[in-house]
Amino acid sequence: MRRKYHLLDVFTDTPFAGNPLAVVVDAEGLDAPRMQAIAREFNLSETVFLLEPRNPVNTARARIFTPVAELPFAGHPTVGAAALIAKLRAPELLGSEDLIVVIEQPIGDITCNVRGPRGKPLHASFDIPRLPTRLADPADAATLAAALSLAPEDIGFDAHRPSVWTAGNPFAFVPVANRAAIARARANPALFEATFGDSVVGAFLYTADCEREGSDVHARMFAPAQGIAEDPATGSAAAAFAGVATAWEAPEDGVHAIVIEQGFAMGRPSIIQLGVDIVDGAIVAASVGGAVTRVAEGTIEA
């Protein structure tokens, strides 16, 4: 059976940048092994399969697969799928007003906002499904450095220290002294799995030394166990990063905008917009969003 799919570049308004995403728009009847095989065929960091929602008041249901496993939640697939759904179902409305898209995922129902004024790129954002939670700290700096092909003195800057957070998917967050050091980082095959194990999706490296004016954080993310040597943009890590930023920066109460640049080392620059709402020193809400560019469409025999 031929099934239609779209290829999107997420967290960019430029084709062939950002994080590529495949969205199979008519996935009814596919079982999990077949979805996994299709995701392995696309061989992107994630592939989304859209299904009818279980609750008819919602817009769609999504299942998300890396090349090797299904995820309960992921950021760039949520942003991309929401933008595509709005574009396909209500293109005229999208040109004049913001649209609300509610996507069911294993983690829960995720509310997305999509806007696409005529002549401007599509933009989608979502309210994070869970507030960030801090988990057990990762290994010591020397062990982390070895697993990432860095020196111990490369780990940490200002008040930032390695930590593990989740807002649906757990990540090890590793602060790196500067952009020169983060550019040298590589996942050491002999040490990476032993250091990070299967308790986290991957290692999210970040520094305040940015390449682009207007960015607040420069990042890279390695997840070889997920079949992702390096990810150009990681929305679920950005969601958890709201906890990292709040813990180490202690921002004042109010709404804060954090711009994360990622994928620059891969030649796929991505810009992730993270919004964090702080009340009495604690996060009460957060959102993740960015631009979406549709680059191709076709059919796959599945």
Protein backbone atom coordinates (compact mmCIF):
# COMPACT_ATOMS: atom_id res chain seq x y z
CA MET A 1 0.00 0.00 0.00
CA ARG A 2 1.30 3.45 -0.89
CA ARG A 3 1.37 5.89 1.99
CA LYS A 4 2.05 9.60 1.64
CA TYR A 5 4.87 11.24 3.54
CA HIS A 6 6.40 14.71 3.84
CA LEU A 7 9.97 15.72 4.58
CA LEU A 8 10.38 18.79 6.75
CA ASP A 9 13.31 20.77 8.10
CA VAL A 10 12.49 21.81 11.65
CA PHE A 11 13.88 24.72 13.68
CA THR A 12 14.87 26.57 10.52
CA ASP A 13 13.31 28.82 7.91
CA THR A 14 15.91 27.70 5.35
CA PRO A 15 15.65 24.47 3.33
CA PHE A 16 18.36 21.88 4.00
CA ALA A 17 19.18 23.28 7.43
CA GLY A 18 17.65 22.47 10.82
CA ASN A 19 16.66 18.95 11.83
CA PRO A 20 15.11 16.85 9.02
CA LEU A 21 11.90 15.00 9.83
CA ALA A 22 9.80 12.47 7.93
CA VAL A 23 6.05 12.52 8.60
CA VAL A 24 3.92 9.63 7.32
CA VAL A 25 0.47 11.21 7.20
CA ASP A 26 -1.71 8.13 6.67
CA ALA A 27 -0.31 5.51 9.02
CA GLU A 28 -3.53 3.66 9.92
CA GLY A 29 -3.00 -0.11 9.83
CA LEU A 30 0.75 -0.02 10.41
CA ASP A 31 1.98 -1.95 13.42
CA ALA A 32 5.00 -1.01 15.52
CA PRO A 33 7.51 -3.32 13.77
CA ARG A 34 6.48 -1.92 10.39
CA MET A 35 6.78 1.65 11.66
CA GLN A 36 10.22 0.85 13.02
CA ALA A 37 11.29 -0.59 9.68
CA ILE A 38 10.10 2.54 7.87
CA ALA A 39 11.92 4.79 10.34
CA ARG A 40 15.07 2.75 9.78
CA GLU A 41 14.61 3.21 6.03
CA PHE A 42 14.32 7.00 6.33
CA ASN A 43 17.29 6.89 8.74
CA LEU A 44 16.56 10.33 10.20
CA SER A 45 16.79 11.15 13.89
CA GLU A 46 13.00 10.71 14.08
CA THR A 47 10.08 9.71 11.89
CA VAL A 48 6.48 10.54 12.83
CA PHE A 49 3.43 8.42 12.01
CA LEU A 50 0.10 10.25 12.16
CA LEU A 51 -3.05 8.38 13.18
CA GLU A 52 -6.63 9.24 14.05
CA PRO A 53 -6.89 10.53 17.64
CA ARG A 54 -8.35 8.30 20.31
CA ASN A 55 -10.20 11.32 21.70
CA PRO A 56 -12.18 12.94 18.88
CA VAL A 57 -11.71 16.43 20.34
CA ASN A 58 -7.99 16.17 19.61
CA THR A 59 -6.39 16.75 16.22
CA ALA A 60 -4.25 13.65 15.69
CA ARG A 61 -2.29 10.90 17.38
CA ALA A 62 1.43 10.54 16.74
CA ARG A 63 3.92 7.73 17.17
CA ILE A 64 7.58 8.72 16.98
CA PHE A 65 10.48 6.41 16.10
CA THR A 66 14.23 6.86 15.96
CA PRO A 67 16.05 4.43 13.64
CA VAL A 68 16.17 1.92 16.52
CA ALA A 69 13.35 2.64 19.02
CA GLU A 70 10.01 4.30 19.69
CA LEU A 71 9.96 7.43 21.89
CA PRO A 72 7.16 8.51 24.24
CA PHE A 73 7.73 12.14 23.25
CA ALA A 74 10.08 14.21 21.10
CA GLY A 75 10.35 17.91 20.41
CA HIS A 76 11.21 18.46 16.76
CA PRO A 77 8.67 15.82 15.61
CA THR A 78 5.98 17.62 17.65
CA VAL A 79 6.85 21.03 16.18
CA GLY A 80 7.08 19.63 12.64
CA ALA A 81 3.95 17.50 12.80
CA ALA A 82 1.87 20.35 14.22
CA ALA A 83 2.99 22.74 11.48
CA LEU A 84 2.33 20.17 8.76
CA ILE A 85 -1.13 19.28 10.08
CA ALA A 86 -2.15 22.94 10.16
CA LYS A 87 -0.76 23.55 6.67
CA LEU A 88 -2.52 20.54 5.15
CA ARG A 89 -5.87 20.89 6.91
CA ALA A 90 -6.44 24.64 7.15
CA PRO A 91 -4.10 26.57 4.84
CA GLU A 92 -6.48 29.51 4.41
CA LEU A 93 -7.08 29.92 8.15
CA LEU A 94 -3.36 29.57 8.80
CA GLY A 95 -2.72 32.60 6.64
CA SER A 96 -4.84 34.83 8.87
CA GLU A 97 -4.76 33.46 12.43
CA ASP A 98 -2.91 31.17 14.82
CA LEU A 99 -4.20 27.60 14.94
CA ILE A 100 -4.30 25.23 17.91
CA VAL A 101 -3.34 21.62 17.20
CA VAL A 102 -3.57 18.96 19.93
CA ILE A 103 -1.45 15.86 19.30
CA GLU A 104 -1.81 12.70 21.37
CA GLN A 105 1.52 11.07 22.25
CA PRO A 106 2.32 8.31 24.75
CA ILE A 107 3.40 10.99 27.25
CA GLY A 108 -0.01 12.68 26.97
CA ASP A 109 -1.89 15.26 24.91
CA ILE A 110 0.38 18.08 23.70
CA THR A 111 -1.09 21.46 22.81
CA CYS A 112 0.63 23.24 19.92
CA ASN A 113 0.25 26.70 18.45
CA VAL A 114 0.91 27.16 14.72
CA ARG A 115 1.19 30.41 12.82
CA GLY A 116 2.00 31.02 9.18
CA PRO A 117 1.20 34.53 7.92
CA ARG A 118 1.28 34.74 4.15
CA GLY A 119 4.79 35.18 2.84
CA LYS A 120 6.42 34.13 6.10
CA PRO A 121 7.77 30.76 7.29
CA LEU A 122 5.62 28.39 9.29
CA HIS A 123 6.25 28.52 13.02
CA ALA A 124 5.02 26.06 15.63
CA SER A 125 5.46 25.77 19.37
CA PHE A 126 4.16 23.47 22.08
CA ASP A 127 3.60 23.62 25.81
CA ILE A 128 5.97 21.11 27.37
CA PRO A 129 4.02 18.04 28.59
CA ARG A 130 5.85 17.78 31.91
CA LEU A 131 7.77 20.27 33.98
CA PRO A 132 11.51 19.49 34.15
CA THR A 133 12.63 17.14 36.90
CA ARG A 134 16.21 16.69 38.06
CA LEU A 135 17.41 13.10 38.30
CA ALA A 136 20.63 11.60 39.68
CA ASP A 137 23.78 13.46 38.63
CA PRO A 138 25.97 11.88 35.92
CA ALA A 139 29.55 10.70 36.38
CA ASP A 140 32.36 12.96 37.57
CA ALA A 141 33.87 15.54 35.22
CA ALA A 142 36.94 13.46 34.36
CA THR A 143 34.82 10.44 33.35
CA LEU A 144 32.44 12.60 31.32
CA ALA A 145 35.34 14.33 29.60
CA ALA A 146 36.91 11.02 28.57
CA ALA A 147 33.60 9.75 27.16
CA LEU A 148 33.28 12.95 25.13
CA SER A 149 36.93 13.14 23.96
CA LEU A 150 37.50 16.26 26.05
CA ALA A 151 39.80 17.28 28.91
CA PRO A 152 38.45 17.55 32.49
CA GLU A 153 39.06 21.31 32.48
CA ASP A 154 36.68 21.63 29.51
CA ILE A 155 33.74 20.59 31.71
CA GLY A 156 31.75 23.33 33.45
CA PHE A 157 31.51 27.12 33.31
CA ASP A 158 30.32 29.76 35.80
CA ALA A 159 27.93 27.97 38.20
CA HIS A 160 27.01 25.26 35.68
CA ARG A 161 27.88 21.66 36.51
CA PRO A 162 26.83 18.35 34.84
CA SER A 163 23.30 17.24 35.68
CA VAL A 164 20.52 14.95 34.44
CA TRP A 165 17.05 16.34 33.76
CA THR A 166 13.88 15.11 32.08
CA ALA A 167 10.73 16.72 30.74
CA GLY A 168 9.62 13.47 29.13
CA ASN A 169 12.98 12.15 27.92
CA PRO A 170 16.02 12.14 30.25
CA PHE A 171 19.27 13.75 29.09
CA ALA A 172 22.69 14.21 30.64
CA PHE A 173 23.43 17.94 30.40
CA VAL A 174 27.15 18.66 30.19
CA PRO A 175 28.27 22.31 30.38
CA VAL A 176 31.40 22.98 28.32
CA ALA A 177 33.75 25.90 28.87
CA ASN A 178 33.61 27.43 25.41
CA ARG A 179 32.78 26.90 21.75
CA ALA A 180 36.31 25.81 20.86
CA ALA A 181 36.07 22.96 23.37
CA ILE A 182 32.57 21.91 22.36
CA ALA A 183 33.73 21.78 18.72
CA ARG A 184 36.30 19.15 19.71
CA ALA A 185 33.74 16.90 21.39
CA ARG A 186 33.20 13.40 19.99
CA ALA A 187 31.42 10.40 21.46
CA ASN A 188 34.19 7.96 22.44
CA PRO A 189 32.82 4.55 21.35
CA ALA A 190 34.79 2.69 24.00
CA LEU A 191 33.55 4.85 26.89
CA PHE A 192 30.29 6.57 25.94
CA GLU A 193 27.86 3.74 26.67
CA ALA A 194 29.60 2.76 29.90
CA THR A 195 29.48 6.38 31.08
CA PHE A 196 25.94 7.33 30.12
CA GLY A 197 24.30 3.89 29.99
CA ASP A 198 20.69 3.45 28.94
CA SER A 199 19.24 5.71 31.64
CA VAL A 200 19.42 8.77 29.37
CA VAL A 201 18.54 9.36 25.73
CA GLY A 202 21.85 11.09 25.10
CA ALA A 203 24.38 13.69 26.17
CA PHE A 204 23.46 17.33 25.59
CA LEU A 205 26.57 19.52 25.59
CA TYR A 206 26.12 23.27 25.92
CA THR A 207 28.05 26.49 26.35
CA ALA A 208 27.21 30.17 26.68
CA ASP A 209 29.81 30.96 23.99
CA CYS A 210 27.57 31.27 20.92
CA GLU A 211 28.22 31.51 17.20
CA ARG A 212 25.17 33.53 16.22
CA GLU A 213 24.24 36.95 17.51
CA GLY A 214 21.00 36.70 19.46
CA SER A 215 21.59 33.16 20.72
CA ASP A 216 21.95 32.40 24.43
CA VAL A 217 23.17 28.80 24.29
CA HIS A 218 25.30 26.85 21.79
CA ALA A 219 24.64 23.09 21.95
CA ARG A 220 25.42 19.66 20.54
CA MET A 221 23.68 16.35 21.34
CA PHE A 222 25.07 12.82 20.96
CA ALA A 223 22.83 9.72 21.20
CA PRO A 224 24.61 6.79 19.52
CA ALA A 225 22.49 4.20 21.35
CA GLN A 226 19.43 5.69 19.62
CA GLY A 227 21.07 5.38 16.22
CA ILE A 228 21.79 9.13 16.28
CA ALA A 229 25.50 9.92 16.11
CA GLU A 230 24.66 13.61 16.52
CA ASP A 231 21.32 15.42 16.44
CA PRO A 232 20.97 18.78 14.65
CA ALA A 233 18.26 19.99 17.07
CA THR A 234 16.76 18.30 20.12
CA GLY A 235 13.43 19.75 21.24
CA SER A 236 12.83 17.38 24.14
CA ALA A 237 16.29 18.25 25.51
CA ALA A 238 15.41 21.94 25.14
CA ALA A 239 12.27 21.28 27.20
CA ALA A 240 14.36 19.76 29.99
CA PHE A 241 16.95 22.53 29.60
CA ALA A 242 14.39 24.87 31.16
CA GLY A 243 15.24 23.11 34.42
CA VAL A 244 18.98 23.40 33.81
CA ALA A 245 18.79 27.13 33.15
CA THR A 246 16.60 27.75 36.18
CA ALA A 247 18.80 25.68 38.51
CA TRP A 248 22.11 27.30 37.59
CA GLU A 249 21.08 30.82 36.56
CA ALA A 250 18.36 31.47 39.19
CA PRO A 251 16.36 33.82 36.94
CA GLU A 252 13.94 36.37 38.37
CA ASP A 253 10.22 35.73 38.30
CA GLY A 254 8.60 36.35 34.93
CA VAL A 255 8.65 34.97 31.39
CA HIS A 256 12.11 34.38 29.93
CA ALA A 257 13.11 33.65 26.33
CA ILE A 258 16.15 31.43 25.74
CA VAL A 259 17.47 30.91 22.21
CA ILE A 260 19.40 27.67 21.70
CA GLU A 261 21.56 27.21 18.60
CA GLN A 262 22.39 23.63 17.65
CA GLY A 263 23.53 21.69 14.59
CA PHE A 264 26.14 24.27 13.54
CA ALA A 265 28.96 21.69 13.75
CA MET A 266 26.97 19.48 11.34
CA GLY A 267 26.30 22.17 8.76
CA ARG A 268 22.60 22.12 9.72
CA PRO A 269 22.14 25.25 11.85
CA SER A 270 19.02 25.10 14.00
CA ILE A 271 17.40 27.73 16.21
CA ILE A 272 15.23 26.52 19.10
CA GLN A 273 13.10 29.03 21.00
CA LEU A 274 12.56 28.07 24.64
CA GLY A 275 10.14 30.04 26.79
CA VAL A 276 10.24 29.65 30.57
CA ASP A 277 7.71 31.08 33.04
CA ILE A 278 9.08 31.49 36.59
CA VAL A 279 6.93 32.12 39.68
CA ASP A 280 8.45 32.26 43.17
CA GLY A 281 11.72 30.96 41.75
CA ALA A 282 10.15 27.82 40.23
CA ILE A 283 9.10 26.87 36.70
CA VAL A 284 5.33 26.88 36.25
CA ALA A 285 5.26 26.50 32.46
CA ALA A 286 7.55 26.30 29.45
CA SER A 287 7.29 26.08 25.69
CA VAL A 288 9.49 24.99 22.81
CA GLY A 289 9.14 26.25 19.26
CA GLY A 290 10.73 27.24 15.99
CA ALA A 291 10.34 27.63 12.26
CA VAL A 292 9.40 24.73 9.96
CA THR A 293 10.21 24.36 6.24
CA ARG A 294 8.59 21.74 4.02
CA VAL A 295 11.15 20.44 1.51
CA ALA A 296 9.69 17.32 -0.15
CA GLU A 297 6.77 14.93 -0.33
CA GLY A 298 6.20 11.51 -1.79
CA THR A 299 4.84 8.02 -1.21
CA ILE A 300 6.35 4.95 0.35
CA GLU A 301 5.27 1.34 -0.15
CA ALA A 302 4.35 0.14 3.32
